[in-house]
Amino acid sequence: APGDVVTLTATGLTLGEDCVVTEAVPGGYFDEYSQDCEVADVVSGTTYACDIINGASFATFQVYKLFTDGNYETPVTIKMQCNNGLPTQQEVTLVPPEEPGRGDFTVDFVVTKFGPGVMDCTIWEDDVTGYTPSYVCGNIGASTQCDTGDDSPLDDFGVGPCEFLDVDTDNDAGPAVHFCTIRNYPDPATITVNKEWIYPTTGGQDVEQVVDVTLHCDTPLEPIGQQTQVFNSVGYSNTQRIVGDGAASWSVRPTIYPANSCYATENVWNSYIERDDDGCGSLEVTAGGSDECTFTNTVFFEGIPTLSQWGMALMALLMLGVGLVGFRRFA
């Protein structure tokens, strides 16, 4: 029992023999031995004092959290679940750091009183709106195995969570340290440009309702339904054709928190079309968000007024009358 003194007597030793004292380590604990627990060249008739100290086994799990767009405002809840040790479940909400612009958060989990090789632990985060995570794990000074699932399409990590199998504390320099890194990538935003045509109630030109709409952004974009992309000196741009009333959409991945920016332009070649836009000059690209604007093209009347059938008849009679008067005058 703890604190008990046990006397061990070795008899029948030969000159120069070595002696070692060990114990069966209680489950959930590690042991440390004093110098006299291992004696070389034991001297007959000598008393040696061996102290054995038991400490609770513990493992440390360091979680490093990173938003790849530099987001330092969104709280994130990190959770850990183990099938052994104390505590078996932990949860911490990471709040933004006081230093703006860091974009990362860290937390340590500690589990105690477990037996080596008999504990598995899982670390994950609650879903963060507008972001998709990837995970990577490892350890220092331990034989613990870790896994993060299938490969992530976002980087060289896994889709998660961080799973630690057969956790131990084997580390000559001290307790083992396990780590789990979680990266959050912003989900693409959808940018939509709408197109409307307005005709006058009467008259007007018969125009071809076809325009080319171009989206310009400061981050890569991918047209939805048209796989072409052009890079120019002012950033990224792509052009889609809209026929009649309709819309064009793009998938745009944010890279900067809180938002990237885009603007849209259209090509209209007819002089009798008046253009108007609602918000197309400033579009926001936020994580997992959406924005839209509308180009409105109004076709106005442009032509020479014409006379009705009765008007044409009256004009003919008038011209005939003027002609007869002129003829009589010069006859």
C-alpha atoms as a PDB file:
ATOM      1  CA  ALA A   1       0.000   0.000   0.000  1.00  0.00           C
ATOM      2  CA  PRO A   2       1.184   3.616  -0.528  1.00  0.00           C
ATOM      3  CA  GLY A   3       3.679   4.649   2.174  1.00  0.00           C
ATOM      4  CA  ASP A   4       4.404   1.092   3.301  1.00  0.00           C
ATOM      5  CA  VAL A   5       8.016   0.100   3.957  1.00  0.00           C
ATOM      6  CA  VAL A   6       8.955  -3.341   2.643  1.00  0.00           C
ATOM      7  CA  THR A   7      12.177  -5.049   3.664  1.00  0.00           C
ATOM      8  CA  LEU A   8      13.743  -7.395   1.139  1.00  0.00           C
ATOM      9  CA  THR A   9      16.642  -9.647   2.218  1.00  0.00           C
ATOM     10  CA  ALA A  10      18.935 -11.231  -0.322  1.00  0.00           C
ATOM     11  CA  THR A  11      20.856 -14.276   0.809  1.00  0.00           C
ATOM     12  CA  GLY A  12      23.373 -16.519  -0.806  1.00  0.00           C
ATOM     13  CA  LEU A  13      24.930 -13.745  -2.863  1.00  0.00           C
ATOM     14  CA  THR A  14      28.300 -14.198  -4.424  1.00  0.00           C
ATOM     15  CA  LEU A  15      30.979 -11.536  -4.509  1.00  0.00           C
ATOM     16  CA  GLY A  16      30.324  -8.744  -7.057  1.00  0.00           C
ATOM     17  CA  GLU A  17      26.676  -9.668  -7.774  1.00  0.00           C
ATOM     18  CA  ASP A  18      24.124  -7.003  -8.862  1.00  0.00           C
ATOM     19  CA  CYS A  19      20.616  -6.477  -7.451  1.00  0.00           C
ATOM     20  CA  VAL A  20      17.599  -4.661  -8.936  1.00  0.00           C
ATOM     21  CA  VAL A  21      14.259  -3.848  -7.267  1.00  0.00           C
ATOM     22  CA  THR A  22      11.129  -3.432  -9.454  1.00  0.00           C
ATOM     23  CA  GLU A  23       7.372  -3.337  -8.967  1.00  0.00           C
ATOM     24  CA  ALA A  24       4.284  -4.212 -10.997  1.00  0.00           C
ATOM     25  CA  VAL A  25       3.093  -0.738 -12.016  1.00  0.00           C
ATOM     26  CA  PRO A  26      -0.529  -0.073 -11.008  1.00  0.00           C
ATOM     27  CA  GLY A  27      -2.868   0.653 -13.912  1.00  0.00           C
ATOM     28  CA  GLY A  28      -3.020   4.351 -14.754  1.00  0.00           C
ATOM     29  CA  TYR A  29       0.305   5.181 -13.088  1.00  0.00           C
ATOM     30  CA  PHE A  30       3.981   5.424 -13.950  1.00  0.00           C
ATOM     31  CA  ASP A  31       6.896   4.658 -11.590  1.00  0.00           C
ATOM     32  CA  GLU A  32      10.213   6.315 -10.760  1.00  0.00           C
ATOM     33  CA  TYR A  33      13.055   4.604  -8.847  1.00  0.00           C
ATOM     34  CA  SER A  34      15.749   6.054  -6.586  1.00  0.00           C
ATOM     35  CA  GLN A  35      19.427   5.307  -7.168  1.00  0.00           C
ATOM     36  CA  ASP A  36      19.661   2.434  -4.673  1.00  0.00           C
ATOM     37  CA  CYS A  37      16.930   0.456  -6.432  1.00  0.00           C
ATOM     38  CA  GLU A  38      19.645  -0.804  -8.781  1.00  0.00           C
ATOM     39  CA  VAL A  39      22.952  -1.673  -7.096  1.00  0.00           C
ATOM     40  CA  ALA A  40      26.052  -3.087  -8.724  1.00  0.00           C
ATOM     41  CA  ASP A  41      28.559  -5.139  -6.755  1.00  0.00           C
ATOM     42  CA  VAL A  42      26.373  -5.635  -3.698  1.00  0.00           C
ATOM     43  CA  VAL A  43      28.326  -5.724  -0.431  1.00  0.00           C
ATOM     44  CA  SER A  44      27.237  -8.417   1.984  1.00  0.00           C
ATOM     45  CA  GLY A  45      25.712  -7.151   5.236  1.00  0.00           C
ATOM     46  CA  THR A  46      24.958  -3.681   3.784  1.00  0.00           C
ATOM     47  CA  THR A  47      21.476  -2.083   3.914  1.00  0.00           C
ATOM     48  CA  TYR A  48      20.251  -0.243   0.818  1.00  0.00           C
ATOM     49  CA  ALA A  49      17.233   2.124   0.718  1.00  0.00           C
ATOM     50  CA  CYS A  50      15.103   2.006  -2.475  1.00  0.00           C
ATOM     51  CA  ASP A  51      12.321   4.518  -2.957  1.00  0.00           C
ATOM     52  CA  ILE A  52       9.600   3.889  -5.573  1.00  0.00           C
ATOM     53  CA  ILE A  53       7.372   6.828  -6.501  1.00  0.00           C
ATOM     54  CA  ASN A  54       4.159   6.337  -8.448  1.00  0.00           C
ATOM     55  CA  GLY A  55       2.610   9.208 -10.391  1.00  0.00           C
ATOM     56  CA  ALA A  56      -0.610   9.309 -12.348  1.00  0.00           C
ATOM     57  CA  SER A  57      -0.066   8.688 -16.059  1.00  0.00           C
ATOM     58  CA  PHE A  58      -1.047  11.607 -18.222  1.00  0.00           C
ATOM     59  CA  ALA A  59      -0.916  12.610 -21.867  1.00  0.00           C
ATOM     60  CA  THR A  60      -1.042  16.112 -23.324  1.00  0.00           C
ATOM     61  CA  PHE A  61      -2.885  16.899 -26.562  1.00  0.00           C
ATOM     62  CA  GLN A  62      -2.052  20.232 -28.178  1.00  0.00           C
ATOM     63  CA  VAL A  63      -4.586  21.578 -30.681  1.00  0.00           C
ATOM     64  CA  TYR A  64      -3.553  24.275 -33.128  1.00  0.00           C
ATOM     65  CA  LYS A  65      -6.351  26.029 -34.994  1.00  0.00           C
ATOM     66  CA  LEU A  66      -5.870  28.134 -38.127  1.00  0.00           C
ATOM     67  CA  PHE A  67      -8.161  30.045 -40.506  1.00  0.00           C
ATOM     68  CA  THR A  68      -6.384  30.207 -43.862  1.00  0.00           C
ATOM     69  CA  ASP A  69      -8.063  33.523 -44.757  1.00  0.00           C
ATOM     70  CA  GLY A  70      -6.799  35.237 -41.586  1.00  0.00           C
ATOM     71  CA  ASN A  71     -10.149  35.177 -39.773  1.00  0.00           C
ATOM     72  CA  TYR A  72      -9.511  36.135 -36.142  1.00  0.00           C
ATOM     73  CA  GLU A  73     -13.074  36.923 -35.082  1.00  0.00           C
ATOM     74  CA  THR A  74     -15.015  33.637 -35.242  1.00  0.00           C
ATOM     75  CA  PRO A  75     -15.077  31.506 -32.030  1.00  0.00           C
ATOM     76  CA  VAL A  76     -14.520  27.769 -32.532  1.00  0.00           C
ATOM     77  CA  THR A  77     -15.489  24.892 -30.230  1.00  0.00           C
ATOM     78  CA  ILE A  78     -12.924  22.065 -30.004  1.00  0.00           C
ATOM     79  CA  LYS A  79     -13.939  18.709 -28.488  1.00  0.00           C
ATOM     80  CA  MET A  80     -12.051  15.612 -27.326  1.00  0.00           C
ATOM     81  CA  GLN A  81     -13.483  12.190 -26.476  1.00  0.00           C
ATOM     82  CA  CYS A  82     -11.482   9.313 -24.930  1.00  0.00           C
ATOM     83  CA  ASN A  83     -12.491   5.770 -23.989  1.00  0.00           C
ATOM     84  CA  ASN A  84     -10.322   5.731 -20.854  1.00  0.00           C
ATOM     85  CA  GLY A  85      -8.567   8.034 -18.406  1.00  0.00           C
ATOM     86  CA  LEU A  86      -9.815  11.214 -16.738  1.00  0.00           C
ATOM     87  CA  PRO A  87     -11.586  13.189 -18.000  1.00  0.00           C
ATOM     88  CA  THR A  88     -13.036  11.067 -20.774  1.00  0.00           C
ATOM     89  CA  GLN A  89     -14.597  14.086 -22.501  1.00  0.00           C
ATOM     90  CA  GLN A  90     -13.471  17.684 -22.784  1.00  0.00           C
ATOM     91  CA  GLU A  91     -14.724  20.736 -24.647  1.00  0.00           C
ATOM     92  CA  VAL A  92     -13.182  24.187 -25.086  1.00  0.00           C
ATOM     93  CA  THR A  93     -14.447  27.186 -27.034  1.00  0.00           C
ATOM     94  CA  LEU A  94     -11.526  29.084 -28.493  1.00  0.00           C
ATOM     95  CA  VAL A  95     -12.101  32.818 -28.546  1.00  0.00           C
ATOM     96  CA  PRO A  96     -10.278  35.243 -30.847  1.00  0.00           C
ATOM     97  CA  PRO A  97      -6.830  36.265 -29.619  1.00  0.00           C
ATOM     98  CA  GLU A  98      -6.334  39.782 -28.360  1.00  0.00           C
ATOM     99  CA  GLU A  99      -3.761  40.441 -31.062  1.00  0.00           C
ATOM    100  CA  PRO A 100      -5.729  41.241 -34.247  1.00  0.00           C
ATOM    101  CA  GLY A 101      -4.657  39.548 -37.439  1.00  0.00           C
ATOM    102  CA  ARG A 102      -3.099  36.402 -35.958  1.00  0.00           C
ATOM    103  CA  GLY A 103      -5.825  34.169 -37.297  1.00  0.00           C
ATOM    104  CA  ASP A 104      -4.886  31.168 -35.107  1.00  0.00           C
ATOM    105  CA  PHE A 105      -5.951  29.668 -31.780  1.00  0.00           C
ATOM    106  CA  THR A 106      -4.369  27.022 -29.538  1.00  0.00           C
ATOM    107  CA  VAL A 107      -5.527  24.847 -26.647  1.00  0.00           C
ATOM    108  CA  ASP A 108      -4.081  21.968 -24.578  1.00  0.00           C
ATOM    109  CA  PHE A 109      -6.057  18.934 -23.379  1.00  0.00           C
ATOM    110  CA  VAL A 110      -4.651  16.745 -20.567  1.00  0.00           C
ATOM    111  CA  VAL A 111      -5.833  13.201 -19.770  1.00  0.00           C
ATOM    112  CA  THR A 112      -4.664  11.410 -16.600  1.00  0.00           C
ATOM    113  CA  LYS A 113      -4.874   7.985 -14.923  1.00  0.00           C
ATOM    114  CA  PHE A 114      -4.843   5.693 -17.905  1.00  0.00           C
ATOM    115  CA  GLY A 115      -2.850   2.596 -18.679  1.00  0.00           C
ATOM    116  CA  PRO A 116      -0.373   2.694 -21.579  1.00  0.00           C
ATOM    117  CA  GLY A 117      -1.829   1.241 -24.774  1.00  0.00           C
ATOM    118  CA  VAL A 118      -5.408   1.035 -23.490  1.00  0.00           C
ATOM    119  CA  MET A 119      -6.744   4.486 -24.399  1.00  0.00           C
ATOM    120  CA  ASP A 120      -7.986   5.939 -27.710  1.00  0.00           C
ATOM    121  CA  CYS A 121      -8.882   9.612 -28.144  1.00  0.00           C
ATOM    122  CA  THR A 122     -10.594  11.649 -30.876  1.00  0.00           C
ATOM    123  CA  ILE A 123     -10.316  15.425 -31.389  1.00  0.00           C
ATOM    124  CA  TRP A 124     -12.576  17.442 -33.666  1.00  0.00           C
ATOM    125  CA  GLU A 125     -14.226  20.835 -34.030  1.00  0.00           C
ATOM    126  CA  ASP A 126     -17.873  21.815 -34.288  1.00  0.00           C
ATOM    127  CA  ASP A 127     -18.894  22.910 -37.777  1.00  0.00           C
ATOM    128  CA  VAL A 128     -17.932  26.492 -38.575  1.00  0.00           C
ATOM    129  CA  THR A 129     -20.390  28.191 -40.918  1.00  0.00           C
ATOM    130  CA  GLY A 130     -18.821  29.005 -44.269  1.00  0.00           C
ATOM    131  CA  TYR A 131     -15.664  26.926 -43.718  1.00  0.00           C
ATOM    132  CA  THR A 132     -14.414  23.383 -44.366  1.00  0.00           C
ATOM    133  CA  PRO A 133     -11.706  21.877 -42.088  1.00  0.00           C
ATOM    134  CA  SER A 134      -8.710  19.670 -42.751  1.00  0.00           C
ATOM    135  CA  TYR A 135      -6.766  17.777 -40.053  1.00  0.00           C
ATOM    136  CA  VAL A 136      -3.220  16.560 -39.421  1.00  0.00           C
ATOM    137  CA  CYS A 137      -1.934  14.801 -36.283  1.00  0.00           C
ATOM    138  CA  GLY A 138       1.273  13.435 -34.760  1.00  0.00           C
ATOM    139  CA  ASN A 139       3.142  12.959 -31.489  1.00  0.00           C
ATOM    140  CA  ILE A 140       6.490  13.568 -29.855  1.00  0.00           C
ATOM    141  CA  GLY A 141       8.117  10.923 -27.665  1.00  0.00           C
ATOM    142  CA  ALA A 142       5.379   8.327 -27.919  1.00  0.00           C
ATOM    143  CA  SER A 143       4.481   5.290 -29.997  1.00  0.00           C
ATOM    144  CA  THR A 144       0.867   6.433 -30.258  1.00  0.00           C
ATOM    145  CA  GLN A 145      -0.680   5.940 -33.671  1.00  0.00           C
ATOM    146  CA  CYS A 146      -2.755   8.727 -35.206  1.00  0.00           C
ATOM    147  CA  ASP A 147      -5.015   9.017 -38.226  1.00  0.00           C
ATOM    148  CA  THR A 148      -7.018  11.796 -39.900  1.00  0.00           C
ATOM    149  CA  GLY A 149      -9.148   9.828 -42.344  1.00  0.00           C
ATOM    150  CA  ASP A 150      -9.340  10.235 -46.106  1.00  0.00           C
ATOM    151  CA  ASP A 151      -7.206  12.758 -47.993  1.00  0.00           C
ATOM    152  CA  SER A 152      -8.561  16.290 -47.978  1.00  0.00           C
ATOM    153  CA  PRO A 153      -9.251  17.887 -51.393  1.00  0.00           C
ATOM    154  CA  LEU A 154      -8.040  21.198 -49.937  1.00  0.00           C
ATOM    155  CA  ASP A 155      -4.440  20.290 -48.995  1.00  0.00           C
ATOM    156  CA  ASP A 156      -2.160  17.375 -48.067  1.00  0.00           C
ATOM    157  CA  PHE A 157      -3.985  16.752 -44.782  1.00  0.00           C
ATOM    158  CA  GLY A 158      -7.029  14.580 -44.032  1.00  0.00           C
ATOM    159  CA  VAL A 159     -10.731  15.288 -43.759  1.00  0.00           C
ATOM    160  CA  GLY A 160     -10.590  14.478 -40.041  1.00  0.00           C
ATOM    161  CA  PRO A 161     -11.041  14.075 -37.216  1.00  0.00           C
ATOM    162  CA  CYS A 162      -7.727  13.523 -35.371  1.00  0.00           C
ATOM    163  CA  GLU A 163      -7.796   9.987 -33.954  1.00  0.00           C
ATOM    164  CA  PHE A 164      -5.121   8.811 -31.494  1.00  0.00           C
ATOM    165  CA  LEU A 165      -4.914   5.038 -30.977  1.00  0.00           C
ATOM    166  CA  ASP A 166      -3.213   3.195 -28.088  1.00  0.00           C
ATOM    167  CA  VAL A 167      -2.097   6.389 -26.374  1.00  0.00           C
ATOM    168  CA  ASP A 168       0.988   6.015 -24.197  1.00  0.00           C
ATOM    169  CA  THR A 169       3.378   8.197 -22.205  1.00  0.00           C
ATOM    170  CA  ASP A 170       6.706   6.678 -23.280  1.00  0.00           C
ATOM    171  CA  ASN A 171       9.093   9.608 -23.365  1.00  0.00           C
ATOM    172  CA  ASP A 172      12.570   9.629 -21.857  1.00  0.00           C
ATOM    173  CA  ALA A 173      12.469  13.436 -21.616  1.00  0.00           C
ATOM    174  CA  GLY A 174       9.058  13.541 -19.955  1.00  0.00           C
ATOM    175  CA  PRO A 175       5.387  12.923 -20.728  1.00  0.00           C
ATOM    176  CA  ALA A 176       4.465  12.413 -24.365  1.00  0.00           C
ATOM    177  CA  VAL A 177       2.942  15.263 -26.363  1.00  0.00           C
ATOM    178  CA  HIS A 178       0.343  14.648 -29.045  1.00  0.00           C
ATOM    179  CA  PHE A 179      -0.722  17.348 -31.486  1.00  0.00           C
ATOM    180  CA  CYS A 180      -3.663  17.976 -33.798  1.00  0.00           C
ATOM    181  CA  THR A 181      -3.712  20.816 -36.327  1.00  0.00           C
ATOM    182  CA  ILE A 182      -7.031  21.960 -37.780  1.00  0.00           C
ATOM    183  CA  ARG A 183      -7.119  24.278 -40.766  1.00  0.00           C
ATOM    184  CA  ASN A 184     -10.308  25.973 -41.881  1.00  0.00           C
ATOM    185  CA  TYR A 185     -10.638  26.892 -45.543  1.00  0.00           C
ATOM    186  CA  PRO A 186     -13.356  29.356 -46.608  1.00  0.00           C
ATOM    187  CA  ASP A 187     -16.050  27.795 -48.764  1.00  0.00           C
ATOM    188  CA  PRO A 188     -16.585  29.297 -52.247  1.00  0.00           C
ATOM    189  CA  ALA A 189     -19.049  32.151 -52.622  1.00  0.00           C
ATOM    190  CA  THR A 190     -21.575  32.357 -55.441  1.00  0.00           C
ATOM    191  CA  ILE A 191     -21.696  35.614 -57.396  1.00  0.00           C
ATOM    192  CA  THR A 192     -24.672  36.069 -59.737  1.00  0.00           C
ATOM    193  CA  VAL A 193     -25.254  38.763 -62.354  1.00  0.00           C
ATOM    194  CA  ASN A 194     -28.876  39.081 -63.493  1.00  0.00           C
ATOM    195  CA  LYS A 195     -30.019  40.511 -66.833  1.00  0.00           C
ATOM    196  CA  GLU A 196     -33.345  42.273 -67.531  1.00  0.00           C
ATOM    197  CA  TRP A 197     -34.694  43.857 -70.709  1.00  0.00           C
ATOM    198  CA  ILE A 198     -37.372  46.576 -70.785  1.00  0.00           C
ATOM    199  CA  TYR A 199     -39.231  47.587 -73.968  1.00  0.00           C
ATOM    200  CA  PRO A 200     -41.604  50.565 -74.440  1.00  0.00           C
ATOM    201  CA  THR A 201     -45.303  49.763 -74.650  1.00  0.00           C
ATOM    202  CA  THR A 202     -45.451  50.894 -78.287  1.00  0.00           C
ATOM    203  CA  GLY A 203     -42.843  51.238 -80.975  1.00  0.00           C
ATOM    204  CA  GLY A 204     -39.197  50.641 -80.168  1.00  0.00           C
ATOM    205  CA  GLN A 205     -36.369  48.909 -81.913  1.00  0.00           C
ATOM    206  CA  ASP A 206     -36.228  45.213 -82.618  1.00  0.00           C
ATOM    207  CA  VAL A 207     -32.852  44.462 -80.963  1.00  0.00           C
ATOM    208  CA  GLU A 208     -30.973  41.242 -80.402  1.00  0.00           C
ATOM    209  CA  GLN A 209     -31.148  40.536 -76.672  1.00  0.00           C
ATOM    210  CA  VAL A 210     -27.605  39.208 -76.325  1.00  0.00           C
ATOM    211  CA  VAL A 211     -24.935  40.686 -74.058  1.00  0.00           C
ATOM    212  CA  ASP A 212     -21.540  39.590 -72.745  1.00  0.00           C
ATOM    213  CA  VAL A 213     -21.175  40.011 -68.978  1.00  0.00           C
ATOM    214  CA  THR A 214     -17.695  39.975 -67.406  1.00  0.00           C
ATOM    215  CA  LEU A 215     -16.930  39.430 -63.726  1.00  0.00           C
ATOM    216  CA  HIS A 216     -13.657  40.922 -62.426  1.00  0.00           C
ATOM    217  CA  CYS A 217     -12.307  39.747 -59.033  1.00  0.00           C
ATOM    218  CA  ASP A 218      -9.173  39.989 -56.896  1.00  0.00           C
ATOM    219  CA  THR A 219      -9.228  36.221 -56.310  1.00  0.00           C
ATOM    220  CA  PRO A 220      -9.594  33.164 -58.582  1.00  0.00           C
ATOM    221  CA  LEU A 221     -13.057  32.459 -59.933  1.00  0.00           C
ATOM    222  CA  GLU A 222     -14.684  29.606 -61.786  1.00  0.00           C
ATOM    223  CA  PRO A 223     -17.681  30.164 -64.059  1.00  0.00           C
ATOM    224  CA  ILE A 224     -20.612  27.902 -63.353  1.00  0.00           C
ATOM    225  CA  GLY A 225     -21.582  26.164 -66.579  1.00  0.00           C
ATOM    226  CA  GLN A 226     -18.664  27.495 -68.648  1.00  0.00           C
ATOM    227  CA  GLN A 227     -15.160  26.217 -67.914  1.00  0.00           C
ATOM    228  CA  THR A 228     -13.014  29.102 -69.104  1.00  0.00           C
ATOM    229  CA  GLN A 229     -10.961  31.594 -67.140  1.00  0.00           C
ATOM    230  CA  VAL A 230      -8.777  34.504 -68.135  1.00  0.00           C
ATOM    231  CA  PHE A 231      -6.120  36.172 -65.981  1.00  0.00           C
ATOM    232  CA  ASN A 232      -5.258  39.770 -66.691  1.00  0.00           C
ATOM    233  CA  SER A 233      -3.163  42.504 -65.127  1.00  0.00           C
ATOM    234  CA  VAL A 234      -5.916  43.670 -62.771  1.00  0.00           C
ATOM    235  CA  GLY A 235      -6.764  40.292 -61.318  1.00  0.00           C
ATOM    236  CA  TYR A 236      -9.045  37.504 -62.464  1.00  0.00           C
ATOM    237  CA  SER A 237     -11.913  37.862 -64.936  1.00  0.00           C
ATOM    238  CA  ASN A 238     -14.319  35.717 -66.895  1.00  0.00           C
ATOM    239  CA  THR A 239     -16.965  36.499 -69.488  1.00  0.00           C
ATOM    240  CA  GLN A 240     -20.285  34.721 -69.957  1.00  0.00           C
ATOM    241  CA  ARG A 241     -22.980  35.382 -72.569  1.00  0.00           C
ATOM    242  CA  ILE A 242     -26.582  35.977 -71.523  1.00  0.00           C
ATOM    243  CA  VAL A 243     -29.423  35.693 -74.036  1.00  0.00           C
ATOM    244  CA  GLY A 244     -32.624  37.536 -73.116  1.00  0.00           C
ATOM    245  CA  ASP A 245     -33.656  37.811 -69.476  1.00  0.00           C
ATOM    246  CA  GLY A 246     -31.367  35.512 -67.565  1.00  0.00           C
ATOM    247  CA  ALA A 247     -28.360  35.257 -65.261  1.00  0.00           C
ATOM    248  CA  ALA A 248     -24.716  34.205 -65.125  1.00  0.00           C
ATOM    249  CA  SER A 249     -23.080  32.770 -62.007  1.00  0.00           C
ATOM    250  CA  TRP A 250     -19.523  32.216 -60.789  1.00  0.00           C
ATOM    251  CA  SER A 251     -17.953  30.266 -57.953  1.00  0.00           C
ATOM    252  CA  VAL A 252     -15.387  32.488 -56.226  1.00  0.00           C
ATOM    253  CA  ARG A 253     -13.151  31.280 -53.380  1.00  0.00           C
ATOM    254  CA  PRO A 254     -12.407  33.899 -50.700  1.00  0.00           C
ATOM    255  CA  THR A 255      -8.774  34.325 -49.662  1.00  0.00           C
ATOM    256  CA  ILE A 256      -8.997  37.393 -47.423  1.00  0.00           C
ATOM    257  CA  TYR A 257     -11.064  37.976 -44.284  1.00  0.00           C
ATOM    258  CA  PRO A 258     -13.631  39.449 -44.041  1.00  0.00           C
ATOM    259  CA  ALA A 259     -14.180  39.579 -47.827  1.00  0.00           C
ATOM    260  CA  ASN A 260     -12.677  39.733 -51.299  1.00  0.00           C
ATOM    261  CA  SER A 261     -14.225  42.002 -53.905  1.00  0.00           C
ATOM    262  CA  CYS A 262     -15.575  41.756 -57.454  1.00  0.00           C
ATOM    263  CA  TYR A 263     -17.325  43.977 -59.964  1.00  0.00           C
ATOM    264  CA  ALA A 264     -19.223  43.216 -63.171  1.00  0.00           C
ATOM    265  CA  THR A 265     -19.369  44.901 -66.575  1.00  0.00           C
ATOM    266  CA  GLU A 266     -21.419  44.289 -69.728  1.00  0.00           C
ATOM    267  CA  ASN A 267     -20.932  44.974 -73.432  1.00  0.00           C
ATOM    268  CA  VAL A 268     -23.880  46.658 -75.202  1.00  0.00           C
ATOM    269  CA  TRP A 269     -23.297  47.829 -78.752  1.00  0.00           C
ATOM    270  CA  ASN A 270     -26.609  49.462 -79.713  1.00  0.00           C
ATOM    271  CA  SER A 271     -26.967  53.204 -79.194  1.00  0.00           C
ATOM    272  CA  TYR A 272     -30.705  52.935 -78.585  1.00  0.00           C
ATOM    273  CA  ILE A 273     -30.236  50.826 -75.448  1.00  0.00           C
ATOM    274  CA  GLU A 274     -30.013  52.612 -72.116  1.00  0.00           C
ATOM    275  CA  ARG A 275     -28.027  50.754 -69.443  1.00  0.00           C
ATOM    276  CA  ASP A 276     -28.517  50.736 -65.685  1.00  0.00           C
ATOM    277  CA  ASP A 277     -27.004  48.524 -62.972  1.00  0.00           C
ATOM    278  CA  ASP A 278     -28.009  47.772 -59.416  1.00  0.00           C
ATOM    279  CA  GLY A 279     -24.932  46.955 -57.309  1.00  0.00           C
ATOM    280  CA  CYS A 280     -22.728  45.549 -60.081  1.00  0.00           C
ATOM    281  CA  GLY A 281     -19.917  47.945 -59.273  1.00  0.00           C
ATOM    282  CA  SER A 282     -19.231  46.428 -55.839  1.00  0.00           C
ATOM    283  CA  LEU A 283     -19.783  42.746 -55.029  1.00  0.00           C
ATOM    284  CA  GLU A 284     -18.589  41.042 -51.807  1.00  0.00           C
ATOM    285  CA  VAL A 285     -17.027  37.566 -51.701  1.00  0.00           C
ATOM    286  CA  THR A 286     -17.465  36.129 -48.186  1.00  0.00           C
ATOM    287  CA  ALA A 287     -16.843  32.611 -46.861  1.00  0.00           C
ATOM    288  CA  GLY A 288     -19.683  30.412 -48.071  1.00  0.00           C
ATOM    289  CA  GLY A 289     -21.742  33.499 -48.897  1.00  0.00           C
ATOM    290  CA  SER A 290     -23.378  34.950 -51.988  1.00  0.00           C
ATOM    291  CA  ASP A 291     -23.934  38.298 -53.652  1.00  0.00           C
ATOM    292  CA  GLU A 292     -25.747  39.424 -56.785  1.00  0.00           C
ATOM    293  CA  CYS A 293     -26.516  42.421 -58.941  1.00  0.00           C
ATOM    294  CA  THR A 294     -28.711  43.273 -61.931  1.00  0.00           C
ATOM    295  CA  PHE A 295     -28.063  44.921 -65.266  1.00  0.00           C
ATOM    296  CA  THR A 296     -31.222  46.483 -66.723  1.00  0.00           C
ATOM    297  CA  ASN A 297     -31.278  47.409 -70.418  1.00  0.00           C
ATOM    298  CA  THR A 298     -34.081  49.682 -71.606  1.00  0.00           C
ATOM    299  CA  VAL A 299     -34.806  49.833 -75.353  1.00  0.00           C
ATOM    300  CA  PHE A 300     -36.181  53.260 -76.318  1.00  0.00           C
ATOM    301  CA  PHE A 301     -37.981  54.476 -79.492  1.00  0.00           C
ATOM    302  CA  GLU A 302     -35.724  55.835 -82.175  1.00  0.00           C
ATOM    303  CA  GLY A 303     -37.166  56.461 -85.702  1.00  0.00           C
ATOM    304  CA  ILE A 304     -39.086  58.806 -88.072  1.00  0.00           C
ATOM    305  CA  PRO A 305     -42.759  59.395 -87.234  1.00  0.00           C
ATOM    306  CA  THR A 306     -45.159  58.040 -89.887  1.00  0.00           C
ATOM    307  CA  LEU A 307     -48.699  59.077 -90.997  1.00  0.00           C
ATOM    308  CA  SER A 308     -51.760  56.929 -90.961  1.00  0.00           C
ATOM    309  CA  GLN A 309     -53.632  55.996 -94.169  1.00  0.00           C
ATOM    310  CA  TRP A 310     -56.011  59.022 -93.833  1.00  0.00           C
ATOM    311  CA  GLY A 311     -53.075  61.276 -93.124  1.00  0.00           C
ATOM    312  CA  MET A 312     -51.317  60.102 -96.272  1.00  0.00           C
ATOM    313  CA  ALA A 313     -54.495  60.747 -98.351  1.00  0.00           C
ATOM    314  CA  LEU A 314     -54.861  64.247 -96.908  1.00  0.00           C
ATOM    315  CA  MET A 315     -51.200  64.959 -97.626  1.00  0.00           C
ATOM    316  CA  ALA A 316     -51.692  63.819-101.272  1.00  0.00           C
ATOM    317  CA  LEU A 317     -54.670  66.120-101.745  1.00  0.00           C
ATOM    318  CA  LEU A 318     -52.752  69.014-100.228  1.00  0.00           C
ATOM    319  CA  MET A 319     -49.805  68.443-102.510  1.00  0.00           C
ATOM    320  CA  LEU A 320     -52.161  68.184-105.508  1.00  0.00           C
ATOM    321  CA  GLY A 321     -53.828  71.462-104.566  1.00  0.00           C
ATOM    322  CA  VAL A 322     -50.478  73.233-104.237  1.00  0.00           C
ATOM    323  CA  GLY A 323     -49.481  71.898-107.654  1.00  0.00           C
ATOM    324  CA  LEU A 324     -52.659  73.166-109.391  1.00  0.00           C
ATOM    325  CA  VAL A 325     -52.272  76.626-107.881  1.00  0.00           C
ATOM    326  CA  GLY A 326     -48.733  76.809-109.133  1.00  0.00           C
ATOM    327  CA  PHE A 327     -49.728  75.668-112.617  1.00  0.00           C
ATOM    328  CA  ARG A 328     -52.475  78.309-112.991  1.00  0.00           C
ATOM    329  CA  ARG A 329     -50.144  81.028-111.798  1.00  0.00           C
ATOM    330  CA  PHE A 330     -47.543  80.375-114.434  1.00  0.00           C
ATOM    331  CA  ALA A 331     -50.013  79.467-117.252  1.00  0.00           C
END
